[in-house]
Amino acid sequence: MTKTTITVKKKLTGKVVSDKMDKTVVVNVQRYVAHKKYGKYYKIDKRYKAHDENNEYKVGDTVVIEESRPMSKDKNFVVIEKK
C-alpha cells in the first residue's frame, strides 16, 4: 500500500510595500480576526518576502503570493499574479 499526500499551498493577497531588493518584494497581507471574548473584529498586518524573478512588481501593486519551498532564510513565497 502506498500513501499519497496532497499538499495544499497557501495563497494570500496583499500589497507590495517594498521592492528595493533584487528578485524579492515585501508584501503586506491584511486580515480581519474576531476577538475571542468580545467578538469585535480587528486588523492584523503581516509582511511576507516573496520571490519576484523578473523584478516586475512595484510598490503599490496588489499581488497574489503562493507558498513554495524555502528560497532563503526568510523567503518562502512566490508572486503568482498581479490583481
Protein backbone atom coordinates (compact mmCIF):
# COMPACT_ATOMS: atom_id res chain seq x y z
CA MET A 1 0.00 0.00 0.00
CA THR A 2 1.29 3.41 -0.91
CA LYS A 3 0.15 6.58 0.76
CA THR A 4 -0.46 9.62 -1.33
CA THR A 5 -0.29 13.00 0.29
CA ILE A 6 -1.89 16.11 -1.09
CA THR A 7 -0.18 19.36 -0.28
CA VAL A 8 -2.33 22.47 -0.32
CA LYS A 9 -0.28 25.62 -0.85
CA LYS A 10 -1.40 28.82 0.87
CA LYS A 11 -2.43 31.67 -1.41
CA LEU A 12 -2.50 35.16 0.06
CA THR A 13 -3.43 38.55 -1.40
CA GLY A 14 -1.61 41.68 -0.35
CA LYS A 15 0.00 44.95 -1.36
CA VAL A 16 3.68 45.37 -2.29
CA VAL A 17 5.30 47.71 0.25
CA SER A 18 8.97 47.36 -0.79
CA ASP A 19 10.79 46.39 -3.98
CA LYS A 20 14.32 47.51 -3.10
CA MET A 21 15.83 44.01 -3.03
CA ASP A 22 16.87 42.10 -6.15
CA LYS A 23 14.26 39.48 -7.17
CA THR A 24 12.37 39.98 -3.89
CA VAL A 25 9.33 42.04 -2.89
CA VAL A 26 7.84 42.58 0.55
CA VAL A 27 4.07 42.04 0.56
CA ASN A 28 1.81 43.30 3.36
CA VAL A 29 -1.15 40.94 3.92
CA GLN A 30 -4.06 42.30 5.97
CA ARG A 31 -6.72 40.12 7.57
CA TYR A 32 -9.63 40.64 9.94
CA VAL A 33 -9.91 38.47 13.06
CA ALA A 34 -12.69 38.30 15.64
CA HIS A 35 -11.68 38.79 19.28
CA LYS A 36 -12.32 35.56 21.21
CA LYS A 37 -14.10 37.13 24.18
CA TYR A 38 -15.71 40.27 22.79
CA GLY A 39 -16.34 39.32 19.16
CA LYS A 40 -15.11 42.66 17.82
CA TYR A 41 -13.16 42.44 14.57
CA TYR A 42 -9.69 43.94 14.34
CA LYS A 43 -6.98 44.08 11.69
CA ILE A 44 -3.78 42.06 11.70
CA ASP A 45 -1.00 43.01 9.28
CA LYS A 46 1.79 40.63 8.36
CA ARG A 47 4.64 41.15 5.91
CA TYR A 48 5.97 38.34 3.73
CA LYS A 49 9.03 38.31 1.49
CA ALA A 50 8.14 36.86 -1.90
CA HIS A 51 10.22 35.86 -4.92
CA ASP A 52 9.84 38.13 -7.97
CA GLU A 53 12.03 36.61 -10.71
CA ASN A 54 11.87 39.49 -13.21
CA ASN A 55 11.58 42.44 -10.80
CA GLU A 56 8.28 43.36 -12.47
CA TYR A 57 6.17 44.26 -9.40
CA LYS A 58 6.41 47.75 -7.91
CA VAL A 59 5.32 49.42 -4.67
CA GLY A 60 1.53 49.77 -4.52
CA ASP A 61 0.71 46.74 -6.71
CA THR A 62 -1.85 44.29 -5.33
CA VAL A 63 -0.50 40.77 -5.85
CA VAL A 64 -1.28 37.13 -5.09
CA ILE A 65 1.52 35.13 -3.46
CA GLU A 66 1.76 31.35 -3.11
CA GLU A 67 3.69 29.23 -0.63
CA SER A 68 6.76 27.46 -2.06
CA ARG A 69 9.97 25.81 -0.99
CA PRO A 70 12.31 27.97 1.12
CA MET A 71 14.41 30.14 -1.18
CA SER A 72 16.35 31.88 1.58
CA LYS A 73 16.20 32.37 5.34
CA ASP A 74 13.01 34.49 5.17
CA LYS A 75 11.64 33.90 1.67
CA ASN A 76 9.02 31.11 1.38
CA PHE A 77 6.56 32.62 -1.11
CA VAL A 78 6.43 33.31 -4.85
CA VAL A 79 4.44 36.07 -6.57
CA ILE A 80 1.93 34.44 -8.93
CA GLU A 81 -0.07 37.29 -10.41
CA LYS A 82 -0.99 40.94 -10.23
CA LYS A 83 -4.59 41.71 -9.34
